[in-house]
C-alpha atoms as a PDB file:
ATOM      1  CA  MET A   1      12.402  39.466  26.617  1.00  0.00           C
ATOM      2  CA  PRO A   2       9.072  37.628  26.299  1.00  0.00           C
ATOM      3  CA  ASN A   3       8.971  33.861  26.005  1.00  0.00           C
ATOM      4  CA  PRO A   4       8.209  32.839  22.344  1.00  0.00           C
ATOM      5  CA  ILE A   5       5.792  30.135  23.474  1.00  0.00           C
ATOM      6  CA  GLU A   6       3.813  32.594  25.564  1.00  0.00           C
ATOM      7  CA  ALA A   7       3.823  35.078  22.675  1.00  0.00           C
ATOM      8  CA  ALA A   8       2.465  32.412  20.315  1.00  0.00           C
ATOM      9  CA  ALA A   9      -0.174  31.440  22.858  1.00  0.00           C
ATOM     10  CA  ARG A  10      -1.298  35.072  23.175  1.00  0.00           C
ATOM     11  CA  ALA A  11      -1.343  35.484  19.377  1.00  0.00           C
ATOM     12  CA  THR A  12      -3.593  32.438  18.893  1.00  0.00           C
ATOM     13  CA  PRO A  13      -7.232  33.505  18.404  1.00  0.00           C
ATOM     14  CA  ALA A  14      -9.428  32.580  21.375  1.00  0.00           C
ATOM     15  CA  PRO A  15     -11.840  30.256  19.480  1.00  0.00           C
ATOM     16  CA  LEU A  16      -8.928  28.294  18.014  1.00  0.00           C
ATOM     17  CA  ALA A  17      -7.145  28.139  21.365  1.00  0.00           C
ATOM     18  CA  ARG A  18     -10.288  26.677  22.978  1.00  0.00           C
ATOM     19  CA  LYS A  19     -10.503  24.021  20.253  1.00  0.00           C
ATOM     20  CA  VAL A  20      -6.839  23.073  20.584  1.00  0.00           C
ATOM     21  CA  ARG A  21      -7.037  22.891  24.375  1.00  0.00           C
ATOM     22  CA  GLY A  22     -10.145  20.737  24.099  1.00  0.00           C
ATOM     23  CA  LEU A  23      -8.514  18.025  21.972  1.00  0.00           C
ATOM     24  CA  SER A  24      -7.749  14.773  23.702  1.00  0.00           C
ATOM     25  CA  ASP A  25      -4.449  12.955  23.334  1.00  0.00           C
ATOM     26  CA  ARG A  26      -6.200  10.397  21.141  1.00  0.00           C
ATOM     27  CA  ALA A  27      -7.517  13.107  18.800  1.00  0.00           C
ATOM     28  CA  ILE A  28      -4.094  14.710  18.532  1.00  0.00           C
ATOM     29  CA  ALA A  29      -2.554  11.313  17.792  1.00  0.00           C
ATOM     30  CA  TRP A  30      -5.076  10.755  14.979  1.00  0.00           C
ATOM     31  CA  ILE A  31      -4.277  14.179  13.541  1.00  0.00           C
ATOM     32  CA  PHE A  32      -0.635  13.117  13.226  1.00  0.00           C
ATOM     33  CA  VAL A  33      -1.312   9.545  12.047  1.00  0.00           C
ATOM     34  CA  ALA A  34      -4.117  10.271   9.533  1.00  0.00           C
ATOM     35  CA  PRO A  35      -1.891  11.692   6.739  1.00  0.00           C
ATOM     36  CA  THR A  36       0.310   8.605   6.902  1.00  0.00           C
ATOM     37  CA  ILE A  37      -2.703   6.314   6.686  1.00  0.00           C
ATOM     38  CA  PHE A  38      -4.099   8.221   3.714  1.00  0.00           C
ATOM     39  CA  LEU A  39      -0.737   8.087   1.932  1.00  0.00           C
ATOM     40  CA  LEU A  40      -0.448   4.368   2.637  1.00  0.00           C
ATOM     41  CA  LEU A  41      -3.883   3.802   1.150  1.00  0.00           C
ATOM     42  CA  ALA A  42      -3.156   5.983  -1.880  1.00  0.00           C
ATOM     43  CA  ILE A  43       0.306   4.598  -2.633  1.00  0.00           C
ATOM     44  CA  ASN A  44      -0.048   0.921  -1.671  1.00  0.00           C
ATOM     45  CA  ILE A  45      -3.606  -0.263  -1.233  1.00  0.00           C
ATOM     46  CA  PHE A  46      -5.283   1.468  -4.191  1.00  0.00           C
ATOM     47  CA  PRO A  47      -2.787   0.162  -6.792  1.00  0.00           C
ATOM     48  CA  LEU A  48      -3.065  -3.342  -5.321  1.00  0.00           C
ATOM     49  CA  ILE A  49      -6.852  -3.346  -5.619  1.00  0.00           C
ATOM     50  CA  TRP A  50      -6.673  -1.791  -9.097  1.00  0.00           C
ATOM     51  CA  THR A  51      -4.204  -4.468 -10.252  1.00  0.00           C
ATOM     52  CA  ILE A  52      -6.406  -7.264  -8.935  1.00  0.00           C
ATOM     53  CA  ARG A  53      -9.364  -5.720 -10.761  1.00  0.00           C
ATOM     54  CA  LEU A  54      -7.363  -5.491 -14.002  1.00  0.00           C
ATOM     55  CA  SER A  55      -6.324  -9.140 -13.674  1.00  0.00           C
ATOM     56  CA  PHE A  56      -9.923 -10.106 -14.416  1.00  0.00           C
ATOM     57  CA  THR A  57      -9.930  -8.159 -17.706  1.00  0.00           C
ATOM     58  CA  ASN A  58      -8.104  -8.391 -21.035  1.00  0.00           C
ATOM     59  CA  TYR A  59      -6.247  -5.119 -20.359  1.00  0.00           C
ATOM     60  CA  ALA A  60      -2.882  -4.802 -22.113  1.00  0.00           C
ATOM     61  CA  ALA A  61      -0.652  -1.837 -21.256  1.00  0.00           C
ATOM     62  CA  ASN A  62       0.990  -1.944 -24.680  1.00  0.00           C
ATOM     63  CA  ARG A  63      -2.409  -1.512 -26.386  1.00  0.00           C
ATOM     64  CA  PRO A  64      -3.964   1.499 -24.636  1.00  0.00           C
ATOM     65  CA  ASN A  65      -6.696   2.112 -27.239  1.00  0.00           C
ATOM     66  CA  ARG A  66      -8.039  -1.441 -27.165  1.00  0.00           C
ATOM     67  CA  GLU A  67     -11.365  -1.827 -25.393  1.00  0.00           C
ATOM     68  CA  VAL A  68     -11.086  -3.497 -22.002  1.00  0.00           C
ATOM     69  CA  GLU A  69     -13.419  -6.472 -21.550  1.00  0.00           C
ATOM     70  CA  TRP A  70     -14.191  -8.558 -18.469  1.00  0.00           C
ATOM     71  CA  VAL A  71     -12.753 -12.077 -18.900  1.00  0.00           C
ATOM     72  CA  GLY A  72     -13.255 -13.382 -15.374  1.00  0.00           C
ATOM     73  CA  LEU A  73     -10.961 -16.199 -14.299  1.00  0.00           C
ATOM     74  CA  ARG A  74      -9.724 -16.949 -17.838  1.00  0.00           C
ATOM     75  CA  ASN A  75      -6.357 -15.245 -17.213  1.00  0.00           C
ATOM     76  CA  TYR A  76      -5.757 -17.323 -14.078  1.00  0.00           C
ATOM     77  CA  GLU A  77      -6.835 -20.503 -15.856  1.00  0.00           C
ATOM     78  CA  ARG A  78      -4.377 -19.780 -18.675  1.00  0.00           C
ATOM     79  CA  ILE A  79      -1.497 -19.171 -16.256  1.00  0.00           C
ATOM     80  CA  LEU A  80      -2.192 -22.202 -14.065  1.00  0.00           C
ATOM     81  CA  THR A  81      -2.478 -24.601 -17.006  1.00  0.00           C
ATOM     82  CA  ASP A  82       0.728 -23.399 -18.680  1.00  0.00           C
ATOM     83  CA  GLU A  83       3.609 -25.879 -18.306  1.00  0.00           C
ATOM     84  CA  GLY A  84       6.203 -23.114 -18.515  1.00  0.00           C
ATOM     85  CA  THR A  85       4.712 -21.401 -15.491  1.00  0.00           C
ATOM     86  CA  TRP A  86       4.935 -24.600 -13.430  1.00  0.00           C
ATOM     87  CA  ALA A  87       8.542 -25.156 -14.526  1.00  0.00           C
ATOM     88  CA  ASN A  88       9.406 -21.623 -13.414  1.00  0.00           C
ATOM     89  CA  MET A  89       7.624 -22.166 -10.095  1.00  0.00           C
ATOM     90  CA  GLN A  90       9.570 -25.406  -9.566  1.00  0.00           C
ATOM     91  CA  THR A  91      12.869 -23.630 -10.261  1.00  0.00           C
ATOM     92  CA  THR A  92      11.935 -20.872  -7.822  1.00  0.00           C
ATOM     93  CA  ALA A  93      10.943 -23.434  -5.167  1.00  0.00           C
ATOM     94  CA  HIS A  94      14.307 -25.241  -5.540  1.00  0.00           C
ATOM     95  CA  PHE A  95      16.181 -21.953  -5.200  1.00  0.00           C
ATOM     96  CA  LEU A  96      14.103 -20.987  -2.147  1.00  0.00           C
ATOM     97  CA  VAL A  97      14.534 -24.329  -0.372  1.00  0.00           C
ATOM     98  CA  TRP A  98      18.284 -24.552  -0.980  1.00  0.00           C
ATOM     99  CA  THR A  99      18.824 -20.936   0.015  1.00  0.00           C
ATOM    100  CA  ILE A 100      16.993 -21.452   3.308  1.00  0.00           C
ATOM    101  CA  VAL A 101      18.796 -24.748   3.969  1.00  0.00           C
ATOM    102  CA  LEU A 102      22.189 -23.128   3.392  1.00  0.00           C
ATOM    103  CA  GLN A 103      21.384 -20.094   5.511  1.00  0.00           C
ATOM    104  CA  VAL A 104      20.084 -22.146   8.435  1.00  0.00           C
ATOM    105  CA  SER A 105      22.864 -24.742   8.325  1.00  0.00           C
ATOM    106  CA  CYS A 106      25.677 -22.153   8.195  1.00  0.00           C
ATOM    107  CA  ARG A 107      24.818 -20.535  11.500  1.00  0.00           C
END
C-alpha cells in the first residue's frame, strides 16, 4: 500500500512543488500568520481608528440621516468641562484605588 504522503507529493504539479520547496521557513511562517494579522486589523484596529475619527464629528447613531459635520475638539472640550464627568471619574478612581489596596493587602 503506497504511503499517502508520497502519493500526495507525486500528485502535486511540478511547478507548484518547486515553489513550495523553494519557500523559506520565514515565508511559510508569514503565510500562516498573515490571515491572523489581517483579521486583527479588520476587527480591532479599523473600528478603533474609525471611532476616533467619528469623535471629531457631530455623528449621532440615533440620527442616521443627519449630515455629519467636522466639529474638531469641541466634543472633548464639552466632556472635559462637564462637572458630572469629573464626578464620575472621581468615583471610578476611588473604586479603583480601594480595590487595588484590598487586593494587595489581602495576599
